[in-house]
Amino acid sequence: MSNSNQQQDQINIELDEVTAEGIYSNLAIINHSSSEFVLDFVSIMPGIPKAKVKSRIVLTPQHAKRLLKAIGENIHRFEIAHGEIKDTEQLPIPLNFGPAGQA
């Protein structure tokens, strides 16, 4: 590939300080339609009956599938380096957001 083609294929991604801090989430609520997947990231605290969505990501079905694959590959590499991630049993959280999946 020529040098000019390589420069055209590169994407410059910026990460500001506030975004770099990240947002803690211990619950993801996933909904979908025929044209998009909506991932709501929530932080639920023990003993507090109300929680807010901290971040929402909207993806096309194709990008959602790519994200699933990328997360699977990264979990695989993590487990090779650090051992199996144990899936601990969690108490059911009573949520009534309509038809939704949880992760």
N, C-alpha and C. Protein backbone atom coordinates (compact mmCIF):
# COMPACT_ATOMS: atom_id res chain seq x y z
N MET A 1 0.84 -1.17 0.00
CA MET A 1 0.00 0.00 0.00
C MET A 1 0.89 1.24 0.00
N SER A 2 0.58 2.20 -0.79
CA SER A 2 1.40 3.42 -0.86
C SER A 2 1.17 4.27 0.38
N ASN A 3 2.09 5.18 0.61
CA ASN A 3 2.02 6.04 1.78
C ASN A 3 0.75 6.89 1.80
N SER A 4 0.33 7.41 0.64
CA SER A 4 -0.87 8.25 0.58
C SER A 4 -2.13 7.43 0.88
N ASN A 5 -2.18 6.16 0.43
CA ASN A 5 -3.33 5.30 0.74
C ASN A 5 -3.40 4.99 2.23
N GLN A 6 -2.24 4.76 2.87
CA GLN A 6 -2.22 4.49 4.30
C GLN A 6 -2.74 5.69 5.08
N GLN A 7 -2.37 6.90 4.67
CA GLN A 7 -2.83 8.09 5.37
C GLN A 7 -4.34 8.27 5.21
N GLN A 8 -4.89 7.92 4.05
CA GLN A 8 -6.33 8.04 3.83
C GLN A 8 -7.10 7.03 4.67
N ASP A 9 -6.53 5.86 4.97
CA ASP A 9 -7.20 4.80 5.72
C ASP A 9 -7.14 5.00 7.23
N GLN A 10 -6.33 5.95 7.71
CA GLN A 10 -6.18 6.17 9.14
C GLN A 10 -7.27 7.11 9.65
N ILE A 11 -7.71 6.84 10.86
CA ILE A 11 -8.70 7.69 11.51
C ILE A 11 -8.05 8.28 12.76
N ASN A 12 -8.16 9.57 12.92
CA ASN A 12 -7.63 10.24 14.09
C ASN A 12 -8.76 10.31 15.12
N ILE A 13 -8.61 9.58 16.22
CA ILE A 13 -9.64 9.54 17.26
C ILE A 13 -9.16 10.33 18.46
N GLU A 14 -9.97 11.28 18.89
CA GLU A 14 -9.63 12.10 20.04
C GLU A 14 -10.43 11.65 21.25
N LEU A 15 -9.80 11.72 22.43
CA LEU A 15 -10.43 11.33 23.68
C LEU A 15 -10.19 12.44 24.69
N ASP A 16 -11.26 13.19 25.02
CA ASP A 16 -11.08 14.28 25.97
C ASP A 16 -10.99 13.72 27.39
N GLU A 17 -10.55 14.56 28.33
CA GLU A 17 -10.29 14.11 29.71
C GLU A 17 -11.55 13.60 30.41
N VAL A 18 -12.67 14.26 30.22
CA VAL A 18 -13.91 13.84 30.89
C VAL A 18 -14.35 12.47 30.38
N THR A 19 -14.33 12.27 29.07
CA THR A 19 -14.71 10.97 28.50
C THR A 19 -13.73 9.89 28.91
N ALA A 20 -12.45 10.23 29.01
CA ALA A 20 -11.42 9.25 29.38
C ALA A 20 -11.62 8.71 30.79
N GLU A 21 -12.28 9.47 31.66
CA GLU A 21 -12.55 8.99 33.03
C GLU A 21 -13.51 7.81 33.03
N GLY A 22 -14.37 7.73 32.05
CA GLY A 22 -15.32 6.62 31.95
C GLY A 22 -16.50 6.78 32.88
N ILE A 23 -17.46 5.89 32.74
CA ILE A 23 -18.66 5.87 33.56
C ILE A 23 -18.83 4.44 34.07
N TYR A 24 -19.01 4.27 35.38
CA TYR A 24 -19.19 2.95 35.96
C TYR A 24 -20.60 2.45 35.68
N SER A 25 -20.69 1.18 35.31
CA SER A 25 -21.99 0.54 35.07
C SER A 25 -21.93 -0.89 35.56
N ASN A 26 -22.98 -1.32 36.27
CA ASN A 26 -23.06 -2.71 36.69
C ASN A 26 -24.32 -3.39 36.15
N LEU A 27 -24.95 -2.74 35.19
CA LEU A 27 -26.13 -3.32 34.53
C LEU A 27 -26.25 -2.74 33.14
N ALA A 28 -26.49 -3.59 32.17
CA ALA A 28 -26.77 -3.14 30.81
C ALA A 28 -28.15 -3.66 30.42
N ILE A 29 -28.96 -2.77 29.91
CA ILE A 29 -30.29 -3.14 29.42
C ILE A 29 -30.26 -2.97 27.91
N ILE A 30 -30.63 -4.04 27.21
CA ILE A 30 -30.51 -4.04 25.76
C ILE A 30 -31.89 -4.21 25.13
N ASN A 31 -32.23 -3.29 24.24
CA ASN A 31 -33.46 -3.37 23.46
C ASN A 31 -33.08 -3.28 21.98
N HIS A 32 -33.98 -3.72 21.12
CA HIS A 32 -33.69 -3.62 19.69
C HIS A 32 -34.97 -3.49 18.89
N SER A 33 -34.80 -2.90 17.72
CA SER A 33 -35.87 -2.84 16.72
C SER A 33 -35.29 -3.49 15.46
N SER A 34 -36.00 -3.39 14.37
CA SER A 34 -35.49 -3.97 13.13
C SER A 34 -34.29 -3.20 12.58
N SER A 35 -34.08 -1.97 13.05
CA SER A 35 -33.01 -1.16 12.48
C SER A 35 -31.92 -0.73 13.46
N GLU A 36 -32.10 -1.00 14.77
CA GLU A 36 -31.08 -0.56 15.72
C GLU A 36 -31.11 -1.36 17.01
N PHE A 37 -29.97 -1.37 17.68
CA PHE A 37 -29.84 -1.92 19.03
C PHE A 37 -29.57 -0.74 19.96
N VAL A 38 -30.24 -0.72 21.11
CA VAL A 38 -30.04 0.34 22.09
C VAL A 38 -29.50 -0.30 23.36
N LEU A 39 -28.31 0.14 23.78
CA LEU A 39 -27.67 -0.36 24.99
C LEU A 39 -27.70 0.75 26.03
N ASP A 40 -28.43 0.53 27.12
CA ASP A 40 -28.47 1.49 28.22
C ASP A 40 -27.60 0.94 29.34
N PHE A 41 -26.65 1.76 29.79
CA PHE A 41 -25.75 1.37 30.87
C PHE A 41 -26.18 2.08 32.14
N VAL A 42 -26.40 1.29 33.20
CA VAL A 42 -26.98 1.76 34.45
C VAL A 42 -26.04 1.42 35.60
N SER A 43 -26.06 2.25 36.62
CA SER A 43 -25.33 1.97 37.85
C SER A 43 -26.35 1.83 38.97
N ILE A 44 -26.49 0.60 39.48
CA ILE A 44 -27.45 0.32 40.55
C ILE A 44 -26.67 0.17 41.84
N MET A 45 -27.10 0.87 42.88
CA MET A 45 -26.44 0.80 44.18
C MET A 45 -27.32 0.02 45.16
N PRO A 46 -26.70 -0.81 45.99
CA PRO A 46 -27.46 -1.60 46.97
C PRO A 46 -28.30 -0.70 47.89
N GLY A 47 -29.53 -1.11 48.13
CA GLY A 47 -30.41 -0.39 49.03
C GLY A 47 -31.05 0.86 48.45
N ILE A 48 -30.73 1.19 47.23
CA ILE A 48 -31.33 2.37 46.59
C ILE A 48 -32.26 1.86 45.49
N PRO A 49 -33.58 2.09 45.63
CA PRO A 49 -34.54 1.50 44.69
C PRO A 49 -34.61 2.19 43.33
N LYS A 50 -33.91 3.29 43.16
CA LYS A 50 -33.98 4.02 41.90
C LYS A 50 -32.58 4.12 41.29
N ALA A 51 -32.51 3.96 39.98
CA ALA A 51 -31.23 4.07 39.28
C ALA A 51 -31.45 4.82 37.99
N LYS A 52 -30.41 5.52 37.53
CA LYS A 52 -30.49 6.28 36.29
C LYS A 52 -29.62 5.64 35.22
N VAL A 53 -30.07 5.80 33.98
CA VAL A 53 -29.23 5.41 32.86
C VAL A 53 -28.09 6.40 32.81
N LYS A 54 -26.86 5.89 32.84
CA LYS A 54 -25.67 6.73 32.84
C LYS A 54 -25.17 7.01 31.42
N SER A 55 -25.45 6.07 30.51
CA SER A 55 -25.00 6.23 29.13
C SER A 55 -25.87 5.37 28.23
N ARG A 56 -26.13 5.86 27.03
CA ARG A 56 -26.91 5.10 26.03
C ARG A 56 -26.11 5.07 24.75
N ILE A 57 -25.99 3.87 24.17
CA ILE A 57 -25.30 3.68 22.90
C ILE A 57 -26.32 3.09 21.93
N VAL A 58 -26.44 3.69 20.76
CA VAL A 58 -27.35 3.20 19.72
C VAL A 58 -26.49 2.69 18.57
N LEU A 59 -26.73 1.43 18.17
CA LEU A 59 -25.93 0.77 17.13
C LEU A 59 -26.83 0.20 16.04
N THR A 60 -26.28 0.12 14.83
CA THR A 60 -26.96 -0.64 13.79
C THR A 60 -26.81 -2.13 14.14
N PRO A 61 -27.67 -3.00 13.61
CA PRO A 61 -27.51 -4.43 13.87
C PRO A 61 -26.13 -4.95 13.48
N GLN A 62 -25.58 -4.45 12.38
CA GLN A 62 -24.25 -4.89 11.93
C GLN A 62 -23.18 -4.49 12.94
N HIS A 63 -23.25 -3.27 13.45
CA HIS A 63 -22.27 -2.83 14.44
C HIS A 63 -22.45 -3.57 15.77
N ALA A 64 -23.69 -3.89 16.13
CA ALA A 64 -23.93 -4.65 17.35
C ALA A 64 -23.28 -6.04 17.25
N LYS A 65 -23.39 -6.66 16.09
CA LYS A 65 -22.78 -7.97 15.90
C LYS A 65 -21.25 -7.87 15.94
N ARG A 66 -20.69 -6.82 15.34
CA ARG A 66 -19.24 -6.61 15.40
C ARG A 66 -18.78 -6.37 16.83
N LEU A 67 -19.58 -5.62 17.61
CA LEU A 67 -19.25 -5.38 19.02
C LEU A 67 -19.26 -6.69 19.80
N LEU A 68 -20.26 -7.53 19.56
CA LEU A 68 -20.33 -8.84 20.22
C LEU A 68 -19.07 -9.66 19.92
N LYS A 69 -18.66 -9.68 18.67
CA LYS A 69 -17.46 -10.43 18.28
C LYS A 69 -16.21 -9.84 18.94
N ALA A 70 -16.09 -8.51 18.93
CA ALA A 70 -14.91 -7.86 19.52
C ALA A 70 -14.84 -8.11 21.02
N ILE A 71 -15.97 -8.03 21.71
CA ILE A 71 -15.98 -8.30 23.16
C ILE A 71 -15.61 -9.75 23.42
N GLY A 72 -16.15 -10.68 22.62
CA GLY A 72 -15.82 -12.10 22.78
C GLY A 72 -14.33 -12.36 22.60
N GLU A 73 -13.73 -11.75 21.59
CA GLU A 73 -12.29 -11.92 21.35
C GLU A 73 -11.47 -11.35 22.50
N ASN A 74 -11.89 -10.20 23.03
CA ASN A 74 -11.17 -9.58 24.13
C ASN A 74 -11.31 -10.37 25.42
N ILE A 75 -12.49 -10.93 25.68
CA ILE A 75 -12.67 -11.78 26.86
C ILE A 75 -11.78 -13.01 26.74
N HIS A 76 -11.72 -13.60 25.56
CA HIS A 76 -10.86 -14.76 25.34
C HIS A 76 -9.40 -14.44 25.65
N ARG A 77 -8.91 -13.31 25.14
CA ARG A 77 -7.51 -12.91 25.39
C ARG A 77 -7.29 -12.61 26.88
N PHE A 78 -8.27 -11.98 27.52
CA PHE A 78 -8.17 -11.69 28.95
C PHE A 78 -8.05 -12.98 29.75
N GLU A 79 -8.91 -13.97 29.43
CA GLU A 79 -8.90 -15.23 30.18
C GLU A 79 -7.62 -16.02 29.94
N ILE A 80 -7.03 -15.92 28.77
CA ILE A 80 -5.74 -16.56 28.53
C ILE A 80 -4.68 -15.94 29.44
N ALA A 81 -4.72 -14.63 29.58
CA ALA A 81 -3.71 -13.92 30.38
C ALA A 81 -3.97 -14.00 31.88
N HIS A 82 -5.26 -14.01 32.29
CA HIS A 82 -5.58 -13.85 33.71
C HIS A 82 -6.42 -14.98 34.31
N GLY A 83 -6.81 -15.95 33.52
CA GLY A 83 -7.65 -17.04 34.01
C GLY A 83 -9.12 -16.77 33.73
N GLU A 84 -9.90 -17.81 33.93
CA GLU A 84 -11.34 -17.74 33.61
C GLU A 84 -12.05 -16.71 34.46
N ILE A 85 -12.94 -15.96 33.83
CA ILE A 85 -13.80 -15.03 34.53
C ILE A 85 -14.97 -15.84 35.08
N LYS A 86 -15.14 -15.83 36.37
CA LYS A 86 -16.24 -16.57 37.00
C LYS A 86 -17.53 -15.79 36.85
N ASP A 87 -18.58 -16.46 36.44
CA ASP A 87 -19.90 -15.85 36.31
C ASP A 87 -20.64 -16.10 37.62
N THR A 88 -20.55 -15.13 38.55
CA THR A 88 -21.18 -15.32 39.85
C THR A 88 -22.68 -15.19 39.74
N GLU A 89 -23.38 -15.93 40.59
CA GLU A 89 -24.84 -15.87 40.60
C GLU A 89 -25.27 -14.54 41.20
N GLN A 90 -26.19 -13.88 40.53
CA GLN A 90 -26.70 -12.61 41.03
C GLN A 90 -28.18 -12.74 41.33
N LEU A 91 -28.63 -12.00 42.33
CA LEU A 91 -30.04 -11.98 42.63
C LEU A 91 -30.78 -11.27 41.51
N PRO A 92 -31.98 -11.71 41.17
CA PRO A 92 -32.72 -11.04 40.10
C PRO A 92 -33.06 -9.61 40.50
N ILE A 93 -32.91 -8.70 39.57
CA ILE A 93 -33.23 -7.29 39.80
C ILE A 93 -34.60 -7.04 39.19
N PRO A 94 -35.57 -6.61 39.99
CA PRO A 94 -36.90 -6.37 39.44
C PRO A 94 -36.92 -5.13 38.56
N LEU A 95 -36.93 -5.35 37.26
CA LEU A 95 -36.98 -4.25 36.30
C LEU A 95 -38.20 -4.42 35.43
N ASN A 96 -38.88 -3.35 35.17
CA ASN A 96 -40.06 -3.42 34.32
C ASN A 96 -39.93 -2.38 33.20
N PHE A 97 -39.03 -2.66 32.25
CA PHE A 97 -38.80 -1.75 31.14
C PHE A 97 -39.41 -2.29 29.86
N GLY A 98 -40.30 -3.24 29.95
CA GLY A 98 -40.86 -3.83 28.74
C GLY A 98 -39.95 -4.94 28.25
N PRO A 99 -40.12 -5.38 27.00
CA PRO A 99 -39.30 -6.47 26.50
C PRO A 99 -37.84 -6.03 26.39
N ALA A 100 -37.00 -6.66 27.18
CA ALA A 100 -35.59 -6.27 27.19
C ALA A 100 -34.74 -7.45 27.60
N GLY A 101 -33.51 -7.44 27.16
CA GLY A 101 -32.54 -8.41 27.60
C GLY A 101 -31.60 -7.74 28.59
N GLN A 102 -30.89 -8.54 29.36
CA GLN A 102 -29.94 -8.01 30.32
C GLN A 102 -28.58 -8.61 30.05
N ALA A 103 -27.56 -7.86 30.36
CA ALA A 103 -26.20 -8.37 30.28
C ALA A 103 -25.41 -7.83 31.43
